[in-house]
Amino acid sequence: MAWRLVYDTLFSRYLLFTNTVVSCGLEALGDLLVQKYEKNSEQEIDWARTKRMAVIGFILGPPEHYWFKFLDKRYPGRGVVSVFKKVTLDEVINGPACVIVFFLGMNKMSGMNWTDSYNDMKKKFWPVYKTELIVWPAAQVLNFFFVPPALRVTYISAVYLGWVMYLSYYQHKKS
């Protein structure tokens, strides 16, 4: 009974807050998992790196919340045409925007100047966006067909955990 009250409160009254916290937490968790994979047991966790990833989740969580509300309002329902429009818009507008924000944000928080940050983002954008076009359309079709609107950002955040692990690895791999 208490769990139901918490669930109803978080996913109705405080949905923006919940989506932001989930996004932030999963960014941090994804990075920690990658660091554990990358490092042997004697190496320390780079908490500053994890904090930067969490900040990206904090930055992207609210726009994602409103983005899904916009898509549901603009293209209501779960019909094939509606879902196709949502997925197409998500991949053409939201996908590239998130990749750009991720790389620019991570680079700036790491201390890069704008020119180097932009050049690094340009170098990484297309390989990552091509991978995104493989992963996210299928995830979004499932999202828009089956997931209730209040749980969309949480569902995407769960899928995003795997995606964040990929992004964290890609961002921090040695050239």
N, C-alpha and C. Protein backbone atom coordinates (compact mmCIF):
# COMPACT_ATOMS: atom_id res chain seq x y z
N MET A 1 0.82 -1.19 0.00
CA MET A 1 0.00 0.00 0.00
C MET A 1 0.87 1.26 0.00
N ALA A 2 1.89 1.29 0.85
CA ALA A 2 2.77 2.46 0.92
C ALA A 2 3.52 2.64 -0.40
N TRP A 3 3.95 1.52 -1.01
CA TRP A 3 4.65 1.59 -2.29
C TRP A 3 3.77 2.25 -3.35
N ARG A 4 2.50 1.89 -3.35
CA ARG A 4 1.56 2.46 -4.33
C ARG A 4 1.42 3.97 -4.14
N LEU A 5 1.38 4.43 -2.90
CA LEU A 5 1.29 5.86 -2.62
C LEU A 5 2.53 6.60 -3.11
N VAL A 6 3.71 6.03 -2.84
CA VAL A 6 4.96 6.64 -3.32
C VAL A 6 4.96 6.69 -4.84
N TYR A 7 4.60 5.57 -5.46
CA TYR A 7 4.56 5.49 -6.92
C TYR A 7 3.61 6.54 -7.50
N ASP A 8 2.40 6.60 -6.98
CA ASP A 8 1.41 7.57 -7.47
C ASP A 8 1.90 9.00 -7.28
N THR A 9 2.53 9.27 -6.15
CA THR A 9 3.02 10.63 -5.89
C THR A 9 4.14 11.00 -6.84
N LEU A 10 5.12 10.11 -6.98
CA LEU A 10 6.28 10.42 -7.83
C LEU A 10 5.92 10.51 -9.31
N PHE A 11 5.03 9.62 -9.77
CA PHE A 11 4.73 9.56 -11.20
C PHE A 11 3.46 10.31 -11.60
N SER A 12 2.93 11.10 -10.69
CA SER A 12 1.83 11.98 -11.09
C SER A 12 2.13 13.41 -10.65
N ARG A 13 2.18 13.63 -9.35
CA ARG A 13 2.39 14.99 -8.85
C ARG A 13 3.80 15.53 -9.09
N TYR A 14 4.80 14.67 -9.01
CA TYR A 14 6.19 15.12 -9.11
C TYR A 14 6.92 14.46 -10.28
N LEU A 15 6.24 14.37 -11.41
CA LEU A 15 6.79 13.64 -12.55
C LEU A 15 8.05 14.30 -13.11
N LEU A 16 8.07 15.62 -13.24
CA LEU A 16 9.26 16.30 -13.74
C LEU A 16 10.45 16.04 -12.81
N PHE A 17 10.24 16.19 -11.52
CA PHE A 17 11.30 15.92 -10.54
C PHE A 17 11.77 14.47 -10.64
N THR A 18 10.82 13.54 -10.69
CA THR A 18 11.15 12.12 -10.77
C THR A 18 11.95 11.81 -12.03
N ASN A 19 11.49 12.32 -13.17
CA ASN A 19 12.21 12.07 -14.42
C ASN A 19 13.62 12.65 -14.38
N THR A 20 13.78 13.80 -13.77
CA THR A 20 15.10 14.43 -13.69
C THR A 20 16.03 13.62 -12.79
N VAL A 21 15.53 13.19 -11.64
CA VAL A 21 16.35 12.40 -10.71
C VAL A 21 16.73 11.06 -11.34
N VAL A 22 15.78 10.41 -12.01
CA VAL A 22 16.07 9.13 -12.67
C VAL A 22 17.13 9.32 -13.76
N SER A 23 16.98 10.35 -14.57
CA SER A 23 17.95 10.63 -15.63
C SER A 23 19.34 10.88 -15.05
N CYS A 24 19.40 11.69 -14.04
CA CYS A 24 20.66 12.03 -13.36
C CYS A 24 21.30 10.77 -12.76
N GLY A 25 20.52 10.00 -12.06
CA GLY A 25 21.03 8.80 -11.41
C GLY A 25 21.51 7.74 -12.39
N LEU A 26 20.79 7.56 -13.48
CA LEU A 26 21.20 6.56 -14.46
C LEU A 26 22.45 6.98 -15.22
N GLU A 27 22.61 8.27 -15.46
CA GLU A 27 23.86 8.75 -16.08
C GLU A 27 25.04 8.38 -15.18
N ALA A 28 24.91 8.66 -13.89
CA ALA A 28 25.98 8.35 -12.95
C ALA A 28 26.23 6.85 -12.86
N LEU A 29 25.16 6.07 -12.75
CA LEU A 29 25.29 4.62 -12.66
C LEU A 29 25.95 4.05 -13.91
N GLY A 30 25.53 4.50 -15.09
CA GLY A 30 26.13 4.02 -16.33
C GLY A 30 27.62 4.28 -16.37
N ASP A 31 28.02 5.47 -15.95
CA ASP A 31 29.45 5.79 -15.94
C ASP A 31 30.20 4.93 -14.93
N LEU A 32 29.64 4.73 -13.75
CA LEU A 32 30.30 3.89 -12.75
C LEU A 32 30.48 2.46 -13.25
N LEU A 33 29.47 1.93 -13.94
CA LEU A 33 29.58 0.58 -14.49
C LEU A 33 30.69 0.51 -15.54
N VAL A 34 30.79 1.53 -16.38
CA VAL A 34 31.85 1.56 -17.39
C VAL A 34 33.22 1.67 -16.71
N GLN A 35 33.32 2.51 -15.71
CA GLN A 35 34.60 2.64 -15.01
C GLN A 35 35.01 1.33 -14.35
N LYS A 36 34.07 0.62 -13.78
CA LYS A 36 34.37 -0.68 -13.17
C LYS A 36 34.85 -1.66 -14.24
N TYR A 37 34.27 -1.60 -15.41
CA TYR A 37 34.66 -2.46 -16.53
C TYR A 37 36.06 -2.10 -17.03
N GLU A 38 36.32 -0.79 -17.14
CA GLU A 38 37.59 -0.30 -17.70
C GLU A 38 38.78 -0.49 -16.77
N LYS A 39 38.57 -0.39 -15.50
CA LYS A 39 39.68 -0.32 -14.54
C LYS A 39 39.84 -1.62 -13.78
N ASN A 40 41.07 -1.88 -13.39
CA ASN A 40 41.26 -3.02 -12.50
C ASN A 40 40.89 -2.60 -11.08
N SER A 41 40.84 -3.54 -10.19
CA SER A 41 40.31 -3.27 -8.85
C SER A 41 41.16 -2.30 -8.04
N GLU A 42 42.41 -2.07 -8.45
CA GLU A 42 43.28 -1.18 -7.69
C GLU A 42 43.13 0.29 -8.09
N GLN A 43 42.48 0.55 -9.19
CA GLN A 43 42.32 1.94 -9.63
C GLN A 43 41.11 2.57 -8.96
N GLU A 44 41.25 3.84 -8.66
CA GLU A 44 40.18 4.59 -8.01
C GLU A 44 39.11 4.98 -9.02
N ILE A 45 37.88 5.10 -8.53
CA ILE A 45 36.79 5.63 -9.35
C ILE A 45 37.05 7.12 -9.56
N ASP A 46 36.85 7.57 -10.77
CA ASP A 46 36.97 9.00 -11.09
C ASP A 46 35.62 9.65 -10.80
N TRP A 47 35.46 10.12 -9.56
CA TRP A 47 34.17 10.68 -9.13
C TRP A 47 33.84 11.98 -9.85
N ALA A 48 34.85 12.73 -10.25
CA ALA A 48 34.59 13.97 -11.01
C ALA A 48 33.97 13.63 -12.36
N ARG A 49 34.45 12.59 -12.99
CA ARG A 49 33.88 12.14 -14.27
C ARG A 49 32.42 11.71 -14.07
N THR A 50 32.17 10.93 -13.02
CA THR A 50 30.81 10.48 -12.73
C THR A 50 29.90 11.66 -12.44
N LYS A 51 30.41 12.65 -11.72
CA LYS A 51 29.62 13.85 -11.44
C LYS A 51 29.27 14.58 -12.74
N ARG A 52 30.22 14.67 -13.66
CA ARG A 52 29.94 15.32 -14.95
C ARG A 52 28.84 14.57 -15.69
N MET A 53 28.88 13.25 -15.66
CA MET A 53 27.83 12.47 -16.31
C MET A 53 26.48 12.73 -15.64
N ALA A 54 26.45 12.79 -14.31
CA ALA A 54 25.20 13.07 -13.60
C ALA A 54 24.66 14.44 -13.96
N VAL A 55 25.55 15.42 -14.10
CA VAL A 55 25.11 16.76 -14.50
C VAL A 55 24.47 16.73 -15.88
N ILE A 56 25.02 15.94 -16.79
CA ILE A 56 24.40 15.79 -18.12
C ILE A 56 22.99 15.23 -17.96
N GLY A 57 22.81 14.25 -17.09
CA GLY A 57 21.47 13.72 -16.83
C GLY A 57 20.54 14.78 -16.28
N PHE A 58 21.06 15.62 -15.41
CA PHE A 58 20.28 16.72 -14.84
C PHE A 58 19.90 17.72 -15.93
N ILE A 59 20.80 17.96 -16.87
CA ILE A 59 20.53 18.90 -17.96
C ILE A 59 19.53 18.32 -18.95
N LEU A 60 19.66 17.03 -19.27
CA LEU A 60 18.80 16.43 -20.30
C LEU A 60 17.45 15.95 -19.76
N GLY A 61 17.34 15.66 -18.47
CA GLY A 61 16.10 15.13 -17.91
C GLY A 61 14.88 16.00 -18.15
N PRO A 62 14.91 17.27 -17.77
CA PRO A 62 13.73 18.12 -17.97
C PRO A 62 13.33 18.31 -19.44
N PRO A 63 14.27 18.58 -20.36
CA PRO A 63 13.83 18.68 -21.76
C PRO A 63 13.22 17.38 -22.28
N GLU A 64 13.77 16.23 -21.85
CA GLU A 64 13.18 14.95 -22.27
C GLU A 64 11.75 14.83 -21.75
N HIS A 65 11.53 15.21 -20.52
CA HIS A 65 10.20 15.20 -19.92
C HIS A 65 9.21 15.98 -20.79
N TYR A 66 9.58 17.20 -21.12
CA TYR A 66 8.68 18.05 -21.92
C TYR A 66 8.62 17.61 -23.38
N TRP A 67 9.69 17.04 -23.88
CA TRP A 67 9.70 16.54 -25.26
C TRP A 67 8.64 15.45 -25.44
N PHE A 68 8.60 14.49 -24.52
CA PHE A 68 7.62 13.42 -24.64
C PHE A 68 6.20 13.92 -24.44
N LYS A 69 6.02 14.89 -23.57
CA LYS A 69 4.69 15.49 -23.41
C LYS A 69 4.26 16.16 -24.72
N PHE A 70 5.18 16.89 -25.36
CA PHE A 70 4.90 17.53 -26.63
C PHE A 70 4.52 16.50 -27.70
N LEU A 71 5.32 15.44 -27.82
CA LEU A 71 5.03 14.43 -28.84
C LEU A 71 3.67 13.78 -28.61
N ASP A 72 3.35 13.48 -27.35
CA ASP A 72 2.05 12.86 -27.06
C ASP A 72 0.89 13.80 -27.33
N LYS A 73 1.09 15.08 -27.08
CA LYS A 73 0.02 16.05 -27.34
C LYS A 73 -0.14 16.27 -28.85
N ARG A 74 0.97 16.39 -29.54
CA ARG A 74 0.96 16.68 -30.99
C ARG A 74 0.46 15.48 -31.79
N TYR A 75 0.86 14.28 -31.38
CA TYR A 75 0.49 13.05 -32.09
C TYR A 75 -0.08 12.06 -31.09
N PRO A 76 -1.33 12.29 -30.66
CA PRO A 76 -1.91 11.42 -29.63
C PRO A 76 -2.16 10.00 -30.15
N GLY A 77 -2.23 9.09 -29.22
CA GLY A 77 -2.57 7.72 -29.55
C GLY A 77 -1.36 6.85 -29.83
N ARG A 78 -1.70 5.57 -30.09
CA ARG A 78 -0.67 4.57 -30.30
C ARG A 78 -0.78 3.92 -31.67
N GLY A 79 -1.45 4.60 -32.59
CA GLY A 79 -1.58 4.06 -33.94
C GLY A 79 -0.26 4.10 -34.68
N VAL A 80 -0.18 3.34 -35.75
CA VAL A 80 1.06 3.22 -36.52
C VAL A 80 1.53 4.57 -37.03
N VAL A 81 0.63 5.37 -37.59
CA VAL A 81 1.02 6.67 -38.15
C VAL A 81 1.51 7.60 -37.04
N SER A 82 0.81 7.63 -35.93
CA SER A 82 1.20 8.47 -34.80
C SER A 82 2.57 8.06 -34.26
N VAL A 83 2.78 6.77 -34.08
CA VAL A 83 4.07 6.28 -33.57
C VAL A 83 5.18 6.57 -34.56
N PHE A 84 4.91 6.38 -35.85
CA PHE A 84 5.92 6.68 -36.87
C PHE A 84 6.34 8.14 -36.81
N LYS A 85 5.37 9.04 -36.68
CA LYS A 85 5.69 10.47 -36.60
C LYS A 85 6.52 10.79 -35.35
N LYS A 86 6.14 10.19 -34.22
CA LYS A 86 6.88 10.44 -32.98
C LYS A 86 8.32 9.95 -33.09
N VAL A 87 8.50 8.74 -33.60
CA VAL A 87 9.84 8.17 -33.71
C VAL A 87 10.68 8.98 -34.69
N THR A 88 10.08 9.37 -35.81
CA THR A 88 10.81 10.15 -36.81
C THR A 88 11.25 11.48 -36.23
N LEU A 89 10.33 12.19 -35.59
CA LEU A 89 10.71 13.47 -34.97
C LEU A 89 11.77 13.28 -33.89
N ASP A 90 11.62 12.23 -33.11
CA ASP A 90 12.58 11.98 -32.05
C ASP A 90 13.98 11.77 -32.63
N GLU A 91 14.07 11.04 -33.71
CA GLU A 91 15.39 10.76 -34.30
C GLU A 91 15.96 11.93 -35.08
N VAL A 92 15.11 12.76 -35.64
CA VAL A 92 15.59 13.88 -36.46
C VAL A 92 15.91 15.11 -35.60
N ILE A 93 15.16 15.31 -34.53
CA ILE A 93 15.33 16.51 -33.70
C ILE A 93 16.00 16.18 -32.36
N ASN A 94 15.37 15.32 -31.59
CA ASN A 94 15.84 15.06 -30.23
C ASN A 94 17.16 14.29 -30.20
N GLY A 95 17.29 13.29 -31.04
CA GLY A 95 18.52 12.48 -31.04
C GLY A 95 19.78 13.30 -31.25
N PRO A 96 19.84 14.05 -32.36
CA PRO A 96 21.05 14.86 -32.57
C PRO A 96 21.27 15.89 -31.47
N ALA A 97 20.19 16.50 -31.00
CA ALA A 97 20.33 17.52 -29.94
C ALA A 97 20.95 16.91 -28.69
N CYS A 98 20.50 15.72 -28.30
CA CYS A 98 21.05 15.08 -27.10
C CYS A 98 22.52 14.71 -27.28
N VAL A 99 22.89 14.22 -28.46
CA VAL A 99 24.29 13.88 -28.71
C VAL A 99 25.16 15.12 -28.63
N ILE A 100 24.69 16.20 -29.22
CA ILE A 100 25.45 17.46 -29.20
C ILE A 100 25.60 17.98 -27.77
N VAL A 101 24.49 18.01 -27.02
CA VAL A 101 24.54 18.48 -25.63
C VAL A 101 25.48 17.59 -24.81
N PHE A 102 25.40 16.29 -25.02
CA PHE A 102 26.27 15.38 -24.27
C PHE A 102 27.74 15.71 -24.49
N PHE A 103 28.18 15.73 -25.74
CA PHE A 103 29.60 15.94 -26.00
C PHE A 103 30.07 17.35 -25.64
N LEU A 104 29.29 18.35 -26.01
CA LEU A 104 29.70 19.72 -25.65
C LEU A 104 29.72 19.89 -24.13
N GLY A 105 28.70 19.38 -23.46
CA GLY A 105 28.64 19.49 -22.00
C GLY A 105 29.78 18.77 -21.31
N MET A 106 30.03 17.53 -21.72
CA MET A 106 31.12 16.77 -21.11
C MET A 106 32.46 17.45 -21.37
N ASN A 107 32.66 17.90 -22.58
CA ASN A 107 33.93 18.55 -22.92
C ASN A 107 34.14 19.84 -22.14
N LYS A 108 33.10 20.67 -22.06
CA LYS A 108 33.23 21.94 -21.33
C LYS A 108 33.46 21.67 -19.84
N MET A 109 32.73 20.73 -19.27
CA MET A 109 32.93 20.43 -17.85
C MET A 109 34.30 19.81 -17.57
N SER A 110 34.90 19.23 -18.61
CA SER A 110 36.25 18.66 -18.46
C SER A 110 37.33 19.72 -18.62
N GLY A 111 36.93 20.95 -18.95
CA GLY A 111 37.89 22.04 -19.04
C GLY A 111 38.32 22.42 -20.44
N MET A 112 37.71 21.82 -21.47
CA MET A 112 38.07 22.20 -22.84
C MET A 112 37.53 23.58 -23.17
N ASN A 113 38.25 24.29 -24.03
CA ASN A 113 37.71 25.56 -24.52
C ASN A 113 36.64 25.25 -25.58
N TRP A 114 35.90 26.28 -25.99
CA TRP A 114 34.79 26.06 -26.92
C TRP A 114 35.25 25.50 -28.26
N THR A 115 36.36 25.99 -28.78
CA THR A 115 36.83 25.52 -30.09
C THR A 115 37.20 24.04 -30.04
N ASP A 116 37.98 23.64 -29.04
CA ASP A 116 38.36 22.23 -28.92
C ASP A 116 37.15 21.36 -28.62
N SER A 117 36.26 21.87 -27.79
CA SER A 117 35.04 21.13 -27.45
C SER A 117 34.20 20.89 -28.69
N TYR A 118 34.02 21.93 -29.48
CA TYR A 118 33.24 21.82 -30.72
C TYR A 118 33.91 20.86 -31.70
N ASN A 119 35.21 20.97 -31.87
CA ASN A 119 35.93 20.09 -32.81
C ASN A 119 35.86 18.63 -32.37
N ASP A 120 35.97 18.39 -31.07
CA ASP A 120 35.85 17.03 -30.55
C ASP A 120 34.44 16.49 -30.78
N MET A 121 33.43 17.34 -30.54
CA MET A 121 32.04 16.92 -30.77
C MET A 121 31.83 16.59 -32.24
N LYS A 122 32.37 17.42 -33.14
CA LYS A 122 32.22 17.16 -34.58
C LYS A 122 32.83 15.82 -34.96
N LYS A 123 33.96 15.50 -34.39
CA LYS A 123 34.65 14.24 -34.69
C LYS A 123 33.83 13.03 -34.20
N LYS A 124 33.20 13.16 -33.05
CA LYS A 124 32.49 12.04 -32.45
C LYS A 124 31.02 11.95 -32.85
N PHE A 125 30.45 13.05 -33.35
CA PHE A 125 29.01 13.10 -33.59
C PHE A 125 28.53 12.01 -34.53
N TRP A 126 29.06 11.93 -35.75
CA TRP A 126 28.51 11.01 -36.74
C TRP A 126 28.64 9.54 -36.35
N PRO A 127 29.78 9.08 -35.84
CA PRO A 127 29.82 7.67 -35.42
C PRO A 127 28.78 7.36 -34.33
N VAL A 128 28.63 8.26 -33.38
CA VAL A 128 27.66 8.03 -32.31
C VAL A 128 26.24 8.14 -32.83
N TYR A 129 25.96 9.13 -33.66
CA TYR A 129 24.60 9.29 -34.19
C TYR A 129 24.20 8.11 -35.07
N LYS A 130 25.13 7.57 -35.84
CA LYS A 130 24.82 6.37 -36.64
C LYS A 130 24.45 5.20 -35.74
N THR A 131 25.17 5.05 -34.64
CA THR A 131 24.83 3.99 -33.68
C THR A 131 23.47 4.27 -33.06
N GLU A 132 23.21 5.53 -32.76
CA GLU A 132 21.91 5.89 -32.20
C GLU A 132 20.78 5.48 -33.13
N LEU A 133 20.98 5.66 -34.43
CA LEU A 133 19.94 5.32 -35.41
C LEU A 133 19.68 3.81 -35.48
N ILE A 134 20.59 3.03 -34.95
CA ILE A 134 20.37 1.58 -34.86
C ILE A 134 19.60 1.24 -33.59
N VAL A 135 19.97 1.88 -32.49
CA VAL A 135 19.43 1.54 -31.17
C VAL A 135 18.06 2.16 -30.91
N TRP A 136 17.95 3.47 -31.11
CA TRP A 136 16.80 4.20 -30.58
C TRP A 136 15.49 4.06 -31.33
N PRO A 137 15.45 3.91 -32.65
CA PRO A 137 14.12 3.75 -33.27
C PRO A 137 13.35 2.55 -32.72
N ALA A 138 14.03 1.41 -32.55
CA ALA A 138 13.34 0.23 -32.01
C ALA A 138 12.88 0.49 -30.58
N ALA A 139 13.75 1.11 -29.78
CA ALA A 139 13.38 1.41 -28.39
C ALA A 139 12.19 2.36 -28.34
N GLN A 140 12.17 3.33 -29.24
CA GLN A 140 11.09 4.31 -29.23
C GLN A 140 9.78 3.73 -29.77
N VAL A 141 9.85 2.82 -30.71
CA VAL A 141 8.62 2.16 -31.17
C VAL A 141 7.98 1.44 -29.99
N LEU A 142 8.77 0.68 -29.24
CA LEU A 142 8.24 0.02 -28.05
C LEU A 142 7.70 1.04 -27.06
N ASN A 143 8.44 2.12 -26.87
CA ASN A 143 8.04 3.18 -25.95
C ASN A 143 6.66 3.74 -26.32
N PHE A 144 6.50 4.13 -27.57
CA PHE A 144 5.26 4.80 -27.97
C PHE A 144 4.08 3.85 -28.14
N PHE A 145 4.35 2.57 -28.43
CA PHE A 145 3.25 1.61 -28.55
C PHE A 145 2.78 1.09 -27.20
N PHE A 146 3.70 0.85 -26.27
CA PHE A 146 3.36 0.08 -25.08
C PHE A 146 3.51 0.79 -23.74
N VAL A 147 4.34 1.82 -23.65
CA VAL A 147 4.64 2.42 -22.35
C VAL A 147 3.67 3.57 -22.06
N PRO A 148 3.05 3.58 -20.87
CA PRO A 148 2.17 4.70 -20.52
C PRO A 148 2.96 6.02 -20.50
N PRO A 149 2.33 7.12 -20.91
CA PRO A 149 3.04 8.40 -20.99
C PRO A 149 3.80 8.79 -19.72
N ALA A 150 3.24 8.54 -18.56
CA ALA A 150 3.91 8.93 -17.31
C ALA A 150 5.22 8.18 -17.10
N LEU A 151 5.38 7.03 -17.74
CA LEU A 151 6.58 6.22 -17.54
C LEU A 151 7.56 6.31 -18.71
N ARG A 152 7.28 7.16 -19.68
CA ARG A 152 8.13 7.22 -20.88
C ARG A 152 9.56 7.61 -20.57
N VAL A 153 9.77 8.66 -19.80
CA VAL A 153 11.15 9.08 -19.52
C VAL A 153 11.85 8.01 -18.68
N THR A 154 11.14 7.37 -17.76
CA THR A 154 11.74 6.31 -16.96
C THR A 154 12.12 5.12 -17.83
N TYR A 155 11.23 4.71 -18.73
CA TYR A 155 11.55 3.62 -19.66
C TYR A 155 12.76 3.98 -20.51
N ILE A 156 12.74 5.18 -21.08
CA ILE A 156 13.85 5.62 -21.92
C ILE A 156 15.12 5.70 -21.09
N SER A 157 15.00 6.10 -19.84
CA SER A 157 16.17 6.17 -18.98
C SER A 157 16.76 4.77 -18.74
N ALA A 158 15.89 3.77 -18.62
CA ALA A 158 16.38 2.40 -18.45
C ALA A 158 17.12 1.93 -19.70
N VAL A 159 16.56 2.19 -20.87
CA VAL A 159 17.26 1.88 -22.12
C VAL A 159 18.53 2.72 -22.19
N TYR A 160 18.37 3.95 -21.72
CA TYR A 160 19.46 4.91 -21.76
C TYR A 160 20.65 4.45 -20.91
N LEU A 161 20.40 3.63 -19.89
CA LEU A 161 21.51 3.13 -19.08
C LEU A 161 22.53 2.43 -19.97
N GLY A 162 22.06 1.56 -20.84
CA GLY A 162 22.98 0.91 -21.78
C GLY A 162 23.61 1.91 -22.73
N TRP A 163 22.80 2.86 -23.19
CA TRP A 163 23.29 3.89 -24.10
C TRP A 163 24.35 4.77 -23.41
N VAL A 164 24.09 5.11 -22.17
CA VAL A 164 25.04 5.93 -21.41
C VAL A 164 26.36 5.19 -21.23
N MET A 165 26.28 3.91 -21.01
CA MET A 165 27.51 3.13 -20.89
C MET A 165 28.31 3.23 -22.18
N TYR A 166 27.63 3.13 -23.30
CA TYR A 166 28.30 3.29 -24.60
C TYR A 166 28.88 4.69 -24.74
N LEU A 167 28.08 5.72 -24.43
CA LEU A 167 28.56 7.10 -24.55
C LEU A 167 29.75 7.37 -23.62
N SER A 168 29.66 6.90 -22.39
CA SER A 168 30.74 7.10 -21.44
C SER A 168 32.02 6.44 -21.94
N TYR A 169 31.88 5.22 -22.42
CA TYR A 169 33.05 4.52 -22.96
C TYR A 169 33.61 5.28 -24.16
N TYR A 170 32.73 5.69 -25.06
CA TYR A 170 33.17 6.39 -26.28
C TYR A 170 33.83 7.73 -25.94
N GLN A 171 33.25 8.46 -25.00
CA GLN A 171 33.79 9.77 -24.60
C GLN A 171 35.15 9.64 -23.94
N HIS A 172 35.34 8.61 -23.15
CA HIS A 172 36.53 8.52 -22.32
C HIS A 172 37.57 7.52 -22.83
N LYS A 173 37.30 6.84 -23.94
CA LYS A 173 38.29 5.88 -24.44
C LYS A 173 39.53 6.62 -24.90
N LYS A 174 40.62 5.94 -24.79
CA LYS A 174 41.88 6.52 -25.23
C LYS A 174 41.95 6.38 -26.75
N SER A 175 42.32 7.45 -27.44
CA SER A 175 42.34 7.44 -28.91
C SER A 175 43.33 6.45 -29.46
